[in-house]
Amino acid sequence: MANKPKINTLKCSCVKCWVETDHEILSVAENSAEERDGTSWGYIYKFIQCLGCKTASIREEFWFSEWDHGHMEITYYPPRTKRRRPDWLDQLEDRDPVLFSLLKEVYEAADYGHHRLMSMGIRSVMDHVMTYLVEDIGGFEKKLDALVEKKIISDKQRELYDTVIEGGSAAAHRGYKPPWALLENMLELMEFLINQSYISGPMLEAAKVHIPPRPSQKKN
């Protein structure tokens, strides 16, 4: 019986499996050049396929002769997802197409490491959601005050959401680049308000009708 041909593999993060898996290298292409000053650089493109889920992608390896031996900048197409999308995201496509589109751009900015665009996108999402909840009554301060007045958020949450909005404003107007740790917290707060307003909140309100009331206590 003939031996199976050996396949070339590499271990890397899978865009679909969310963990490092073995990928088969299906094909390789290279492009390099040498400059007049003697330095050289090049790209290695590898068309790879996960041996688990069979999802295919491209791995781009960029090298430069002045870097430490073996060092490369590695980029994947499509990019590796930096933050998992919420399970309820697709439910928004019909309920609020504009919000759904905004969120897709926020998560895409996260995948590509565009911190400023991501924070500005979060700010736009917050404005959209707050307008949905309290209508277009003015700027962010008025909308936050209205959310507190309607008991949608607490005074403490108002402070946190004010920081989220200020982070986006600083990125838009003052060139601020928020660190990833801060952006993760901004995302979590944004997702909480959306889930509360569009998903879990309405679901729980509807569930009230079907929950049997407590039995009345008989008096002696």
C-alpha atoms as a PDB file:
ATOM      1  CA  MET A   1       0.000   0.000   0.000  1.00  0.00           C
ATOM      2  CA  ALA A   2       1.474   3.343  -1.050  1.00  0.00           C
ATOM      3  CA  ASN A   3       2.244   5.858   1.669  1.00  0.00           C
ATOM      4  CA  LYS A   4       0.141   8.988   1.755  1.00  0.00           C
ATOM      5  CA  PRO A   5       2.030  12.050   0.480  1.00  0.00           C
ATOM      6  CA  LYS A   6       3.309  14.225   3.315  1.00  0.00           C
ATOM      7  CA  ILE A   7       1.597  17.588   3.514  1.00  0.00           C
ATOM      8  CA  ASN A   8       3.240  20.827   4.609  1.00  0.00           C
ATOM      9  CA  THR A   9       1.533  22.353   7.597  1.00  0.00           C
ATOM     10  CA  LEU A  10       1.879  25.242  10.006  1.00  0.00           C
ATOM     11  CA  LYS A  11       0.096  25.988  13.275  1.00  0.00           C
ATOM     12  CA  CYS A  12      -1.746  29.283  13.486  1.00  0.00           C
ATOM     13  CA  SER A  13      -4.999  30.808  14.677  1.00  0.00           C
ATOM     14  CA  CYS A  14      -8.034  29.770  12.654  1.00  0.00           C
ATOM     15  CA  VAL A  15     -10.471  32.486  11.628  1.00  0.00           C
ATOM     16  CA  LYS A  16     -13.400  30.155  12.326  1.00  0.00           C
ATOM     17  CA  CYS A  17     -12.252  27.729  15.052  1.00  0.00           C
ATOM     18  CA  TRP A  18     -11.096  30.543  17.388  1.00  0.00           C
ATOM     19  CA  VAL A  19      -8.035  28.518  18.470  1.00  0.00           C
ATOM     20  CA  GLU A  20      -4.664  27.602  17.001  1.00  0.00           C
ATOM     21  CA  THR A  21      -5.015  24.684  14.615  1.00  0.00           C
ATOM     22  CA  ASP A  22      -2.874  22.903  12.032  1.00  0.00           C
ATOM     23  CA  HIS A  23      -3.223  24.433   8.582  1.00  0.00           C
ATOM     24  CA  GLU A  24      -2.182  22.820   5.324  1.00  0.00           C
ATOM     25  CA  ILE A  25      -0.067  25.043   3.072  1.00  0.00           C
ATOM     26  CA  LEU A  26      -1.775  24.674  -0.297  1.00  0.00           C
ATOM     27  CA  SER A  27       0.457  27.020  -2.283  1.00  0.00           C
ATOM     28  CA  VAL A  28       3.205  29.618  -1.822  1.00  0.00           C
ATOM     29  CA  ALA A  29       4.116  32.765  -3.785  1.00  0.00           C
ATOM     30  CA  GLU A  30       7.031  35.132  -3.118  1.00  0.00           C
ATOM     31  CA  ASN A  31       7.984  38.670  -4.082  1.00  0.00           C
ATOM     32  CA  SER A  32      11.238  40.410  -3.059  1.00  0.00           C
ATOM     33  CA  ALA A  33      13.480  43.312  -4.030  1.00  0.00           C
ATOM     34  CA  GLU A  34      16.857  44.837  -3.180  1.00  0.00           C
ATOM     35  CA  GLU A  35      17.352  48.568  -2.684  1.00  0.00           C
ATOM     36  CA  ARG A  36      20.316  50.678  -3.792  1.00  0.00           C
ATOM     37  CA  ASP A  37      21.552  50.952  -0.217  1.00  0.00           C
ATOM     38  CA  GLY A  38      21.949  47.180  -0.039  1.00  0.00           C
ATOM     39  CA  THR A  39      18.878  46.467   2.061  1.00  0.00           C
ATOM     40  CA  SER A  40      16.324  43.996   0.844  1.00  0.00           C
ATOM     41  CA  TRP A  41      12.757  43.069   1.647  1.00  0.00           C
ATOM     42  CA  GLY A  42      10.149  40.616   0.540  1.00  0.00           C
ATOM     43  CA  TYR A  43       6.719  39.105   0.912  1.00  0.00           C
ATOM     44  CA  ILE A  44       5.816  35.425   1.202  1.00  0.00           C
ATOM     45  CA  TYR A  45       2.177  34.600   0.550  1.00  0.00           C
ATOM     46  CA  LYS A  46       0.832  31.274   1.764  1.00  0.00           C
ATOM     47  CA  PHE A  47      -2.589  29.991   0.816  1.00  0.00           C
ATOM     48  CA  ILE A  48      -3.567  27.876   3.818  1.00  0.00           C
ATOM     49  CA  GLN A  49      -6.506  25.727   4.910  1.00  0.00           C
ATOM     50  CA  CYS A  50      -7.482  24.671   8.419  1.00  0.00           C
ATOM     51  CA  LEU A  51      -7.308  20.900   8.755  1.00  0.00           C
ATOM     52  CA  GLY A  52     -10.244  21.036  11.160  1.00  0.00           C
ATOM     53  CA  CYS A  53     -13.000  23.240   9.741  1.00  0.00           C
ATOM     54  CA  LYS A  54     -11.459  23.455   6.217  1.00  0.00           C
ATOM     55  CA  THR A  55     -11.691  27.257   6.147  1.00  0.00           C
ATOM     56  CA  ALA A  56      -9.113  28.742   3.763  1.00  0.00           C
ATOM     57  CA  SER A  57      -7.205  32.001   4.170  1.00  0.00           C
ATOM     58  CA  ILE A  58      -4.012  33.775   3.140  1.00  0.00           C
ATOM     59  CA  ARG A  59      -0.997  34.311   5.395  1.00  0.00           C
ATOM     60  CA  GLU A  60       1.266  37.201   4.378  1.00  0.00           C
ATOM     61  CA  GLU A  61       4.811  37.168   5.783  1.00  0.00           C
ATOM     62  CA  PHE A  62       6.846  40.361   5.323  1.00  0.00           C
ATOM     63  CA  TRP A  63      10.591  40.364   6.039  1.00  0.00           C
ATOM     64  CA  PHE A  64      13.245  43.083   5.969  1.00  0.00           C
ATOM     65  CA  SER A  65      16.985  42.464   5.884  1.00  0.00           C
ATOM     66  CA  GLU A  66      17.708  44.918   8.705  1.00  0.00           C
ATOM     67  CA  TRP A  67      15.455  43.137  11.168  1.00  0.00           C
ATOM     68  CA  ASP A  68      16.631  40.439  13.542  1.00  0.00           C
ATOM     69  CA  HIS A  69      17.099  37.086  11.846  1.00  0.00           C
ATOM     70  CA  GLY A  70      13.827  35.267  11.482  1.00  0.00           C
ATOM     71  CA  HIS A  71      11.630  38.235  12.418  1.00  0.00           C
ATOM     72  CA  MET A  72       8.590  38.761  10.186  1.00  0.00           C
ATOM     73  CA  GLU A  73       5.425  40.823  10.172  1.00  0.00           C
ATOM     74  CA  ILE A  74       2.531  38.424   9.693  1.00  0.00           C
ATOM     75  CA  THR A  75      -0.889  39.442   8.393  1.00  0.00           C
ATOM     76  CA  TYR A  76      -3.879  37.235   7.651  1.00  0.00           C
ATOM     77  CA  TYR A  77      -6.609  37.725   5.076  1.00  0.00           C
ATOM     78  CA  PRO A  78      -9.345  37.696   6.216  1.00  0.00           C
ATOM     79  CA  PRO A  79      -7.969  39.097   9.474  1.00  0.00           C
ATOM     80  CA  ARG A  80      -8.117  37.001  12.609  1.00  0.00           C
ATOM     81  CA  THR A  81     -11.064  38.127  14.682  1.00  0.00           C
ATOM     82  CA  LYS A  82      -9.755  40.017  17.686  1.00  0.00           C
ATOM     83  CA  ARG A  83     -13.063  39.990  19.528  1.00  0.00           C
ATOM     84  CA  ARG A  84     -15.891  37.513  19.215  1.00  0.00           C
ATOM     85  CA  ARG A  85     -19.145  38.993  17.970  1.00  0.00           C
ATOM     86  CA  PRO A  86     -22.091  38.749  20.390  1.00  0.00           C
ATOM     87  CA  ASP A  87     -24.413  35.814  19.753  1.00  0.00           C
ATOM     88  CA  TRP A  88     -27.322  38.239  19.346  1.00  0.00           C
ATOM     89  CA  LEU A  89     -25.679  40.399  16.672  1.00  0.00           C
ATOM     90  CA  ASP A  90     -27.538  38.872  13.708  1.00  0.00           C
ATOM     91  CA  GLN A  91     -30.883  39.518  15.412  1.00  0.00           C
ATOM     92  CA  LEU A  92     -30.307  43.239  14.887  1.00  0.00           C
ATOM     93  CA  GLU A  93     -30.136  42.992  11.101  1.00  0.00           C
ATOM     94  CA  ASP A  94     -33.934  43.149  10.762  1.00  0.00           C
ATOM     95  CA  ARG A  95     -34.709  45.052  13.973  1.00  0.00           C
ATOM     96  CA  ASP A  96     -32.312  47.941  13.321  1.00  0.00           C
ATOM     97  CA  PRO A  97     -30.330  47.681  10.064  1.00  0.00           C
ATOM     98  CA  VAL A  98     -28.427  50.923  10.699  1.00  0.00           C
ATOM     99  CA  LEU A  99     -27.250  49.745  14.111  1.00  0.00           C
ATOM    100  CA  PHE A 100     -26.324  46.350  12.657  1.00  0.00           C
ATOM    101  CA  SER A 101     -24.211  48.031   9.971  1.00  0.00           C
ATOM    102  CA  LEU A 102     -22.502  50.322  12.496  1.00  0.00           C
ATOM    103  CA  LEU A 103     -21.617  47.381  14.728  1.00  0.00           C
ATOM    104  CA  LYS A 104     -20.151  45.400  11.826  1.00  0.00           C
ATOM    105  CA  GLU A 105     -17.806  48.312  11.089  1.00  0.00           C
ATOM    106  CA  VAL A 106     -16.811  48.577  14.763  1.00  0.00           C
ATOM    107  CA  TYR A 107     -15.849  44.891  14.921  1.00  0.00           C
ATOM    108  CA  GLU A 108     -14.023  45.088  11.588  1.00  0.00           C
ATOM    109  CA  ALA A 109     -12.012  48.033  12.929  1.00  0.00           C
ATOM    110  CA  ALA A 110     -11.163  45.875  15.957  1.00  0.00           C
ATOM    111  CA  ASP A 111      -9.972  43.018  13.736  1.00  0.00           C
ATOM    112  CA  TYR A 112      -7.635  45.296  11.805  1.00  0.00           C
ATOM    113  CA  GLY A 113      -6.347  47.065  14.937  1.00  0.00           C
ATOM    114  CA  HIS A 114      -7.778  50.476  13.987  1.00  0.00           C
ATOM    115  CA  HIS A 115      -8.158  51.756  17.546  1.00  0.00           C
ATOM    116  CA  ARG A 116      -9.211  55.297  16.685  1.00  0.00           C
ATOM    117  CA  LEU A 117     -11.813  54.225  14.148  1.00  0.00           C
ATOM    118  CA  MET A 118     -13.081  51.659  16.615  1.00  0.00           C
ATOM    119  CA  SER A 119     -13.540  54.191  19.421  1.00  0.00           C
ATOM    120  CA  MET A 120     -15.231  56.665  17.071  1.00  0.00           C
ATOM    121  CA  GLY A 121     -17.511  53.869  15.913  1.00  0.00           C
ATOM    122  CA  ILE A 122     -18.443  52.989  19.491  1.00  0.00           C
ATOM    123  CA  ARG A 123     -19.331  56.643  20.061  1.00  0.00           C
ATOM    124  CA  SER A 124     -21.570  56.609  16.965  1.00  0.00           C
ATOM    125  CA  VAL A 125     -23.260  53.409  18.139  1.00  0.00           C
ATOM    126  CA  MET A 126     -23.901  54.933  21.563  1.00  0.00           C
ATOM    127  CA  ASP A 127     -25.463  58.020  19.978  1.00  0.00           C
ATOM    128  CA  HIS A 128     -27.697  55.834  17.802  1.00  0.00           C
ATOM    129  CA  VAL A 129     -28.860  53.660  20.710  1.00  0.00           C
ATOM    130  CA  MET A 130     -29.474  56.603  23.031  1.00  0.00           C
ATOM    131  CA  THR A 131     -31.510  58.366  20.328  1.00  0.00           C
ATOM    132  CA  TYR A 132     -33.539  55.161  19.937  1.00  0.00           C
ATOM    133  CA  LEU A 133     -34.208  55.087  23.689  1.00  0.00           C
ATOM    134  CA  VAL A 134     -34.903  58.783  24.436  1.00  0.00           C
ATOM    135  CA  GLU A 135     -35.268  60.358  20.953  1.00  0.00           C
ATOM    136  CA  ASP A 136     -33.063  63.114  19.538  1.00  0.00           C
ATOM    137  CA  ILE A 137     -33.333  65.578  22.405  1.00  0.00           C
ATOM    138  CA  GLY A 138     -29.884  67.144  22.077  1.00  0.00           C
ATOM    139  CA  GLY A 139     -26.256  66.275  22.783  1.00  0.00           C
ATOM    140  CA  PHE A 140     -24.775  63.363  24.666  1.00  0.00           C
ATOM    141  CA  GLU A 141     -25.147  64.996  28.083  1.00  0.00           C
ATOM    142  CA  LYS A 142     -28.892  65.493  27.672  1.00  0.00           C
ATOM    143  CA  LYS A 143     -29.376  61.974  26.391  1.00  0.00           C
ATOM    144  CA  LEU A 144     -27.417  60.474  29.297  1.00  0.00           C
ATOM    145  CA  ASP A 145     -29.447  62.551  31.760  1.00  0.00           C
ATOM    146  CA  ALA A 146     -32.653  61.294  30.124  1.00  0.00           C
ATOM    147  CA  LEU A 147     -31.496  57.682  30.399  1.00  0.00           C
ATOM    148  CA  VAL A 148     -30.935  58.164  34.126  1.00  0.00           C
ATOM    149  CA  GLU A 149     -34.284  59.921  34.521  1.00  0.00           C
ATOM    150  CA  LYS A 150     -36.051  57.012  32.793  1.00  0.00           C
ATOM    151  CA  LYS A 151     -34.105  54.594  35.024  1.00  0.00           C
ATOM    152  CA  ILE A 152     -32.601  52.850  32.005  1.00  0.00           C
ATOM    153  CA  ILE A 153     -29.138  53.361  33.508  1.00  0.00           C
ATOM    154  CA  SER A 154     -27.953  54.296  36.997  1.00  0.00           C
ATOM    155  CA  ASP A 155     -25.947  57.355  38.021  1.00  0.00           C
ATOM    156  CA  LYS A 156     -22.815  55.183  38.208  1.00  0.00           C
ATOM    157  CA  GLN A 157     -23.445  53.763  34.750  1.00  0.00           C
ATOM    158  CA  ARG A 158     -23.912  57.299  33.467  1.00  0.00           C
ATOM    159  CA  GLU A 159     -20.351  58.107  34.550  1.00  0.00           C
ATOM    160  CA  LEU A 160     -19.056  55.026  32.749  1.00  0.00           C
ATOM    161  CA  TYR A 161     -20.931  55.775  29.531  1.00  0.00           C
ATOM    162  CA  ASP A 162     -19.736  59.353  29.667  1.00  0.00           C
ATOM    163  CA  THR A 163     -16.157  57.993  29.649  1.00  0.00           C
ATOM    164  CA  VAL A 164     -16.972  55.769  26.673  1.00  0.00           C
ATOM    165  CA  ILE A 165     -18.312  58.729  24.714  1.00  0.00           C
ATOM    166  CA  GLU A 166     -15.410  60.960  25.731  1.00  0.00           C
ATOM    167  CA  GLY A 167     -12.954  58.321  24.514  1.00  0.00           C
ATOM    168  CA  GLY A 168     -14.573  58.387  21.081  1.00  0.00           C
ATOM    169  CA  SER A 169     -14.633  62.184  21.036  1.00  0.00           C
ATOM    170  CA  ALA A 170     -10.940  62.377  21.945  1.00  0.00           C
ATOM    171  CA  ALA A 171     -10.108  59.982  19.104  1.00  0.00           C
ATOM    172  CA  ALA A 172     -12.192  62.000  16.629  1.00  0.00           C
ATOM    173  CA  HIS A 173     -11.051  65.486  17.584  1.00  0.00           C
ATOM    174  CA  ARG A 174      -7.743  65.171  19.454  1.00  0.00           C
ATOM    175  CA  GLY A 175      -5.994  62.251  17.792  1.00  0.00           C
ATOM    176  CA  TYR A 176      -6.219  60.061  20.902  1.00  0.00           C
ATOM    177  CA  LYS A 177      -5.462  56.357  20.356  1.00  0.00           C
ATOM    178  CA  PRO A 178      -7.098  54.315  23.142  1.00  0.00           C
ATOM    179  CA  PRO A 179      -5.223  51.198  24.313  1.00  0.00           C
ATOM    180  CA  TRP A 180      -6.863  47.846  23.622  1.00  0.00           C
ATOM    181  CA  ALA A 181      -7.648  47.247  27.317  1.00  0.00           C
ATOM    182  CA  LEU A 182      -9.724  50.440  27.405  1.00  0.00           C
ATOM    183  CA  LEU A 183     -11.426  49.610  24.107  1.00  0.00           C
ATOM    184  CA  GLU A 184     -12.479  46.208  25.439  1.00  0.00           C
ATOM    185  CA  ASN A 185     -14.196  47.894  28.374  1.00  0.00           C
ATOM    186  CA  MET A 186     -15.835  50.415  26.045  1.00  0.00           C
ATOM    187  CA  LEU A 187     -17.113  47.542  23.901  1.00  0.00           C
ATOM    188  CA  GLU A 188     -18.492  45.661  26.897  1.00  0.00           C
ATOM    189  CA  LEU A 189     -20.444  48.694  28.098  1.00  0.00           C
ATOM    190  CA  MET A 190     -21.752  49.363  24.595  1.00  0.00           C
ATOM    191  CA  GLU A 191     -22.816  45.718  24.157  1.00  0.00           C
ATOM    192  CA  PHE A 192     -24.540  45.674  27.543  1.00  0.00           C
ATOM    193  CA  LEU A 193     -26.727  48.674  26.672  1.00  0.00           C
ATOM    194  CA  ILE A 194     -27.609  47.227  23.253  1.00  0.00           C
ATOM    195  CA  ASN A 195     -28.462  43.804  24.657  1.00  0.00           C
ATOM    196  CA  GLN A 196     -30.544  45.371  27.418  1.00  0.00           C
ATOM    197  CA  SER A 197     -32.394  47.660  25.000  1.00  0.00           C
ATOM    198  CA  TYR A 198     -32.905  45.455  21.941  1.00  0.00           C
ATOM    199  CA  ILE A 199     -32.575  41.813  22.989  1.00  0.00           C
ATOM    200  CA  SER A 200     -32.930  40.708  26.620  1.00  0.00           C
ATOM    201  CA  GLY A 201     -35.075  43.646  27.757  1.00  0.00           C
ATOM    202  CA  PRO A 202     -37.886  43.169  25.201  1.00  0.00           C
ATOM    203  CA  MET A 203     -37.660  39.384  25.607  1.00  0.00           C
ATOM    204  CA  LEU A 204     -38.120  39.594  29.375  1.00  0.00           C
ATOM    205  CA  GLU A 205     -40.966  42.075  28.993  1.00  0.00           C
ATOM    206  CA  ALA A 206     -42.748  39.651  26.668  1.00  0.00           C
ATOM    207  CA  ALA A 207     -42.065  36.762  29.054  1.00  0.00           C
ATOM    208  CA  LYS A 208     -44.007  38.480  31.857  1.00  0.00           C
ATOM    209  CA  VAL A 209     -47.259  37.449  30.207  1.00  0.00           C
ATOM    210  CA  HIS A 210     -46.357  33.765  30.378  1.00  0.00           C
ATOM    211  CA  ILE A 211     -44.926  33.631  33.895  1.00  0.00           C
ATOM    212  CA  PRO A 212     -47.605  32.415  36.326  1.00  0.00           C
ATOM    213  CA  PRO A 213     -48.213  34.792  39.239  1.00  0.00           C
ATOM    214  CA  ARG A 214     -47.347  33.892  42.808  1.00  0.00           C
ATOM    215  CA  PRO A 215     -50.182  32.183  44.638  1.00  0.00           C
ATOM    216  CA  SER A 216     -51.914  34.457  47.095  1.00  0.00           C
ATOM    217  CA  GLN A 217     -51.259  33.695  50.732  1.00  0.00           C
ATOM    218  CA  LYS A 218     -54.335  32.670  52.657  1.00  0.00           C
ATOM    219  CA  LYS A 219     -54.956  34.577  55.817  1.00  0.00           C
ATOM    220  CA  ASN A 220     -55.704  32.601  58.969  1.00  0.00           C
END
